[in-house]
Amino acid sequence: MAKCEICGKGPQFGNHVSFSQRHVKRRFNPNIQKRRMVIDGKVRQVKICSSCLKTMSKTRG
């Protein structure tokens, strides 16, 4: 899984714990989206997590 190019958020690891308290390794992946953005006057396609996307839409307008 890729990292967010803005904040660097990547996959985290932990345990899935069932009702019987069995622990099984699992992976929490960030919600990565591909978006076209203008960076330094050029249009680039970047991989960005949804939380950064939400924050950027708040600051734009």
PDB file of N, CA and C in Angstrom:
ATOM      1  N   MET A   1       0.843  -1.186   0.000  1.00  0.00           N
ATOM      2  CA  MET A   1       0.000   0.000   0.000  1.00  0.00           C
ATOM      3  C   MET A   1       0.881   1.240   0.000  1.00  0.00           C
ATOM      4  N   ALA A   2       0.469   2.240  -0.711  1.00  0.00           N
ATOM      5  CA  ALA A   2       1.257   3.458  -0.834  1.00  0.00           C
ATOM      6  C   ALA A   2       1.068   4.375   0.365  1.00  0.00           C
ATOM      7  N   LYS A   3       1.972   5.349   0.463  1.00  0.00           N
ATOM      8  CA  LYS A   3       1.869   6.371   1.494  1.00  0.00           C
ATOM      9  C   LYS A   3       1.241   7.620   0.908  1.00  0.00           C
ATOM     10  N   CYS A   4       0.680   8.431   1.785  1.00  0.00           N
ATOM     11  CA  CYS A   4       0.169   9.741   1.372  1.00  0.00           C
ATOM     12  C   CYS A   4       1.368  10.629   1.085  1.00  0.00           C
ATOM     13  N   GLU A   5       1.342  11.334  -0.060  1.00  0.00           N
ATOM     14  CA  GLU A   5       2.468  12.187  -0.436  1.00  0.00           C
ATOM     15  C   GLU A   5       2.482  13.499   0.338  1.00  0.00           C
ATOM     16  N   ILE A   6       1.390  13.837   1.027  1.00  0.00           N
ATOM     17  CA  ILE A   6       1.316  15.070   1.796  1.00  0.00           C
ATOM     18  C   ILE A   6       1.783  14.845   3.238  1.00  0.00           C
ATOM     19  N   CYS A   7       1.152  13.895   3.928  1.00  0.00           N
ATOM     20  CA  CYS A   7       1.461  13.706   5.354  1.00  0.00           C
ATOM     21  C   CYS A   7       2.320  12.477   5.632  1.00  0.00           C
ATOM     22  N   GLY A   8       2.484  11.584   4.658  1.00  0.00           N
ATOM     23  CA  GLY A   8       3.316  10.402   4.859  1.00  0.00           C
ATOM     24  C   GLY A   8       2.625   9.265   5.598  1.00  0.00           C
ATOM     25  N   LYS A   9       1.313   9.348   5.736  1.00  0.00           N
ATOM     26  CA  LYS A   9       0.565   8.304   6.442  1.00  0.00           C
ATOM     27  C   LYS A   9       0.608   7.006   5.642  1.00  0.00           C
ATOM     28  N   GLY A  10       0.968   5.908   6.294  1.00  0.00           N
ATOM     29  CA  GLY A  10       1.048   4.605   5.654  1.00  0.00           C
ATOM     30  C   GLY A  10       0.273   3.576   6.446  1.00  0.00           C
ATOM     31  N   PRO A  11       0.400   2.307   6.113  1.00  0.00           N
ATOM     32  CA  PRO A  11      -0.335   1.278   6.832  1.00  0.00           C
ATOM     33  C   PRO A  11       0.152   1.136   8.275  1.00  0.00           C
ATOM     34  N   GLN A  12      -0.801   0.837   9.162  1.00  0.00           N
ATOM     35  CA  GLN A  12      -0.481   0.561  10.558  1.00  0.00           C
ATOM     36  C   GLN A  12      -0.843  -0.883  10.840  1.00  0.00           C
ATOM     37  N   PHE A  13      -0.232  -1.452  11.859  1.00  0.00           N
ATOM     38  CA  PHE A  13      -0.442  -2.857  12.160  1.00  0.00           C
ATOM     39  C   PHE A  13      -0.992  -3.024  13.556  1.00  0.00           C
ATOM     40  N   GLY A  14      -1.783  -4.072  13.732  1.00  0.00           N
ATOM     41  CA  GLY A  14      -2.368  -4.330  15.042  1.00  0.00           C
ATOM     42  C   GLY A  14      -2.941  -5.731  15.076  1.00  0.00           C
ATOM     43  N   ASN A  15      -3.875  -5.947  15.987  1.00  0.00           N
ATOM     44  CA  ASN A  15      -4.491  -7.254  16.150  1.00  0.00           C
ATOM     45  C   ASN A  15      -5.992  -7.166  15.970  1.00  0.00           C
ATOM     46  N   HIS A  16      -6.549  -8.175  15.299  1.00  0.00           N
ATOM     47  CA  HIS A  16      -7.996  -8.351  15.284  1.00  0.00           C
ATOM     48  C   HIS A  16      -8.295  -9.229  16.482  1.00  0.00           C
ATOM     49  N   VAL A  17      -9.155  -8.775  17.375  1.00  0.00           N
ATOM     50  CA  VAL A  17      -9.455  -9.517  18.591  1.00  0.00           C
ATOM     51  C   VAL A  17     -10.889 -10.010  18.512  1.00  0.00           C
ATOM     52  N   SER A  18     -11.063 -11.327  18.512  1.00  0.00           N
ATOM     53  CA  SER A  18     -12.393 -11.915  18.414  1.00  0.00           C
ATOM     54  C   SER A  18     -13.067 -11.944  19.785  1.00  0.00           C
ATOM     55  N   PHE A  19     -14.309 -12.375  19.808  1.00  0.00           N
ATOM     56  CA  PHE A  19     -15.070 -12.461  21.059  1.00  0.00           C
ATOM     57  C   PHE A  19     -14.392 -13.392  22.059  1.00  0.00           C
ATOM     58  N   SER A  20     -13.731 -14.439  21.541  1.00  0.00           N
ATOM     59  CA  SER A  20     -13.034 -15.383  22.417  1.00  0.00           C
ATOM     60  C   SER A  20     -11.624 -14.917  22.775  1.00  0.00           C
ATOM     61  N   GLN A  21     -11.308 -13.663  22.434  1.00  0.00           N
ATOM     62  CA  GLN A  21     -10.035 -13.005  22.741  1.00  0.00           C
ATOM     63  C   GLN A  21      -8.836 -13.605  22.008  1.00  0.00           C
ATOM     64  N   ARG A  22      -9.083 -14.262  20.865  1.00  0.00           N
ATOM     65  CA  ARG A  22      -7.969 -14.713  20.024  1.00  0.00           C
ATOM     66  C   ARG A  22      -7.412 -13.505  19.303  1.00  0.00           C
ATOM     67  N   HIS A  23      -6.097 -13.409  19.218  1.00  0.00           N
ATOM     68  CA  HIS A  23      -5.443 -12.287  18.546  1.00  0.00           C
ATOM     69  C   HIS A  23      -4.856 -12.757  17.227  1.00  0.00           C
ATOM     70  N   VAL A  24      -5.254 -12.093  16.141  1.00  0.00           N
ATOM     71  CA  VAL A  24      -4.759 -12.400  14.811  1.00  0.00           C
ATOM     72  C   VAL A  24      -4.227 -11.101  14.227  1.00  0.00           C
ATOM     73  N   LYS A  25      -3.032 -11.154  13.659  1.00  0.00           N
ATOM     74  CA  LYS A  25      -2.416  -9.945  13.092  1.00  0.00           C
ATOM     75  C   LYS A  25      -3.268  -9.399  11.955  1.00  0.00           C
ATOM     76  N   ARG A  26      -3.384  -8.076  11.878  1.00  0.00           N
ATOM     77  CA  ARG A  26      -4.100  -7.429  10.791  1.00  0.00           C
ATOM     78  C   ARG A  26      -3.432  -6.123  10.437  1.00  0.00           C
ATOM     79  N   ARG A  27      -3.900  -5.514   9.358  1.00  0.00           N
ATOM     80  CA  ARG A  27      -3.281  -4.302   8.833  1.00  0.00           C
ATOM     81  C   ARG A  27      -4.364  -3.254   8.597  1.00  0.00           C
ATOM     82  N   PHE A  28      -4.123  -2.042   9.058  1.00  0.00           N
ATOM     83  CA  PHE A  28      -5.040  -0.927   8.858  1.00  0.00           C
ATOM     84  C   PHE A  28      -4.465  -0.058   7.744  1.00  0.00           C
ATOM     85  N   ASN A  29      -5.094  -0.064   6.566  1.00  0.00           N
ATOM     86  CA  ASN A  29      -4.613   0.718   5.433  1.00  0.00           C
ATOM     87  C   ASN A  29      -5.271   2.097   5.418  1.00  0.00           C
ATOM     88  N   PRO A  30      -4.520   3.143   5.092  1.00  0.00           N
ATOM     89  CA  PRO A  30      -5.132   4.471   4.970  1.00  0.00           C
ATOM     90  C   PRO A  30      -5.975   4.550   3.699  1.00  0.00           C
ATOM     91  N   ASN A  31      -6.919   5.473   3.695  1.00  0.00           N
ATOM     92  CA  ASN A  31      -7.795   5.660   2.547  1.00  0.00           C
ATOM     93  C   ASN A  31      -7.082   6.559   1.536  1.00  0.00           C
ATOM     94  N   ILE A  32      -6.326   5.943   0.619  1.00  0.00           N
ATOM     95  CA  ILE A  32      -5.518   6.669  -0.356  1.00  0.00           C
ATOM     96  C   ILE A  32      -6.317   6.858  -1.649  1.00  0.00           C
ATOM     97  N   GLN A  33      -6.329   8.110  -2.150  1.00  0.00           N
ATOM     98  CA  GLN A  33      -7.018   8.450  -3.387  1.00  0.00           C
ATOM     99  C   GLN A  33      -6.011   9.067  -4.358  1.00  0.00           C
ATOM    100  N   LYS A  34      -6.242   8.901  -5.647  1.00  0.00           N
ATOM    101  CA  LYS A  34      -5.421   9.574  -6.658  1.00  0.00           C
ATOM    102  C   LYS A  34      -6.161  10.819  -7.105  1.00  0.00           C
ATOM    103  N   ARG A  35      -5.494  11.965  -7.035  1.00  0.00           N
ATOM    104  CA  ARG A  35      -6.105  13.229  -7.438  1.00  0.00           C
ATOM    105  C   ARG A  35      -5.123  14.023  -8.284  1.00  0.00           C
ATOM    106  N   ARG A  36      -5.652  14.782  -9.238  1.00  0.00           N
ATOM    107  CA  ARG A  36      -4.821  15.693 -10.027  1.00  0.00           C
ATOM    108  C   ARG A  36      -4.783  17.020  -9.302  1.00  0.00           C
ATOM    109  N   MET A  37      -3.577  17.521  -9.076  1.00  0.00           N
ATOM    110  CA  MET A  37      -3.413  18.774  -8.357  1.00  0.00           C
ATOM    111  C   MET A  37      -2.379  19.633  -9.059  1.00  0.00           C
ATOM    112  N   VAL A  38      -2.500  20.939  -8.895  1.00  0.00           N
ATOM    113  CA  VAL A  38      -1.517  21.862  -9.440  1.00  0.00           C
ATOM    114  C   VAL A  38      -0.438  22.079  -8.387  1.00  0.00           C
ATOM    115  N   ILE A  39       0.788  21.639  -8.699  1.00  0.00           N
ATOM    116  CA  ILE A  39       1.922  21.782  -7.787  1.00  0.00           C
ATOM    117  C   ILE A  39       3.035  22.477  -8.560  1.00  0.00           C
ATOM    118  N   ASP A  40       3.466  23.629  -8.069  1.00  0.00           N
ATOM    119  CA  ASP A  40       4.495  24.446  -8.722  1.00  0.00           C
ATOM    120  C   ASP A  40       4.121  24.792 -10.167  1.00  0.00           C
ATOM    121  N   GLY A  41       2.843  25.063 -10.401  1.00  0.00           N
ATOM    122  CA  GLY A  41       2.390  25.454 -11.724  1.00  0.00           C
ATOM    123  C   GLY A  41       2.205  24.309 -12.704  1.00  0.00           C
ATOM    124  N   LYS A  42       2.419  23.082 -12.285  1.00  0.00           N
ATOM    125  CA  LYS A  42       2.259  21.919 -13.145  1.00  0.00           C
ATOM    126  C   LYS A  42       1.175  21.009 -12.571  1.00  0.00           C
ATOM    127  N   VAL A  43       0.404  20.388 -13.463  1.00  0.00           N
ATOM    128  CA  VAL A  43      -0.625  19.450 -13.031  1.00  0.00           C
ATOM    129  C   VAL A  43       0.030  18.095 -12.811  1.00  0.00           C
ATOM    130  N   ARG A  44      -0.091  17.591 -11.594  1.00  0.00           N
ATOM    131  CA  ARG A  44       0.475  16.278 -11.244  1.00  0.00           C
ATOM    132  C   ARG A  44      -0.599  15.401 -10.651  1.00  0.00           C
ATOM    133  N   GLN A  45      -0.466  14.099 -10.819  1.00  0.00           N
ATOM    134  CA  GLN A  45      -1.362  13.162 -10.168  1.00  0.00           C
ATOM    135  C   GLN A  45      -0.666  12.700  -8.890  1.00  0.00           C
ATOM    136  N   VAL A  46      -1.310  12.939  -7.741  1.00  0.00           N
ATOM    137  CA  VAL A  46      -0.701  12.597  -6.465  1.00  0.00           C
ATOM    138  C   VAL A  46      -1.586  11.605  -5.724  1.00  0.00           C
ATOM    139  N   LYS A  47      -0.946  10.799  -4.876  1.00  0.00           N
ATOM    140  CA  LYS A  47      -1.661   9.892  -3.987  1.00  0.00           C
ATOM    141  C   LYS A  47      -1.815  10.611  -2.658  1.00  0.00           C
ATOM    142  N   ILE A  48      -3.059  10.835  -2.243  1.00  0.00           N
ATOM    143  CA  ILE A  48      -3.339  11.638  -1.059  1.00  0.00           C
ATOM    144  C   ILE A  48      -4.399  10.932  -0.224  1.00  0.00           C
ATOM    145  N   CYS A  49      -4.240  10.979   1.100  1.00  0.00           N
ATOM    146  CA  CYS A  49      -5.221  10.323   1.964  1.00  0.00           C
ATOM    147  C   CYS A  49      -6.463  11.202   2.093  1.00  0.00           C
ATOM    148  N   SER A  50      -7.579  10.590   2.420  1.00  0.00           N
ATOM    149  CA  SER A  50      -8.853  11.309   2.448  1.00  0.00           C
ATOM    150  C   SER A  50      -8.872  12.387   3.520  1.00  0.00           C
ATOM    151  N   SER A  51      -8.144  12.202   4.619  1.00  0.00           N
ATOM    152  CA  SER A  51      -8.130  13.227   5.665  1.00  0.00           C
ATOM    153  C   SER A  51      -7.387  14.475   5.186  1.00  0.00           C
ATOM    154  N   CYS A  52      -6.309  14.327   4.420  1.00  0.00           N
ATOM    155  CA  CYS A  52      -5.602  15.479   3.852  1.00  0.00           C
ATOM    156  C   CYS A  52      -6.467  16.161   2.797  1.00  0.00           C
ATOM    157  N   LEU A  53      -7.191  15.377   2.011  1.00  0.00           N
ATOM    158  CA  LEU A  53      -8.079  15.908   0.982  1.00  0.00           C
ATOM    159  C   LEU A  53      -9.164  16.766   1.622  1.00  0.00           C
ATOM    160  N   LYS A  54      -9.705  16.286   2.729  1.00  0.00           N
ATOM    161  CA  LYS A  54     -10.748  17.006   3.450  1.00  0.00           C
ATOM    162  C   LYS A  54     -10.201  18.310   4.022  1.00  0.00           C
ATOM    163  N   THR A  55      -9.006  18.266   4.569  1.00  0.00           N
ATOM    164  CA  THR A  55      -8.378  19.463   5.139  1.00  0.00           C
ATOM    165  C   THR A  55      -8.088  20.486   4.050  1.00  0.00           C
ATOM    166  N   MET A  56      -7.619  20.026   2.887  1.00  0.00           N
ATOM    167  CA  MET A  56      -7.316  20.942   1.790  1.00  0.00           C
ATOM    168  C   MET A  56      -8.576  21.612   1.260  1.00  0.00           C
ATOM    169  N   SER A  57      -9.693  20.892   1.231  1.00  0.00           N
ATOM    170  CA  SER A  57     -10.935  21.498   0.739  1.00  0.00           C
ATOM    171  C   SER A  57     -11.446  22.540   1.740  1.00  0.00           C
ATOM    172  N   LYS A  58     -11.144  22.368   3.031  1.00  0.00           N
ATOM    173  CA  LYS A  58     -11.531  23.357   4.046  1.00  0.00           C
ATOM    174  C   LYS A  58     -10.746  24.656   3.867  1.00  0.00           C
ATOM    175  N   THR A  59      -9.456  24.548   3.568  1.00  0.00           N
ATOM    176  CA  THR A  59      -8.600  25.720   3.516  1.00  0.00           C
ATOM    177  C   THR A  59      -8.735  26.491   2.196  1.00  0.00           C
ATOM    178  N   ARG A  60      -9.252  25.846   1.157  1.00  0.00           N
ATOM    179  CA  ARG A  60      -9.352  26.508  -0.150  1.00  0.00           C
ATOM    180  C   ARG A  60     -10.456  27.553  -0.202  1.00  0.00           C
ATOM    181  N   GLY A  61     -11.546  27.311   0.507  1.00  0.00           N
ATOM    182  CA  GLY A  61     -12.533  28.303   0.273  1.00  0.00           C
ATOM    183  C   GLY A  61     -13.630  28.343   1.216  1.00  0.00           C
TER     184      GLY A  61
END
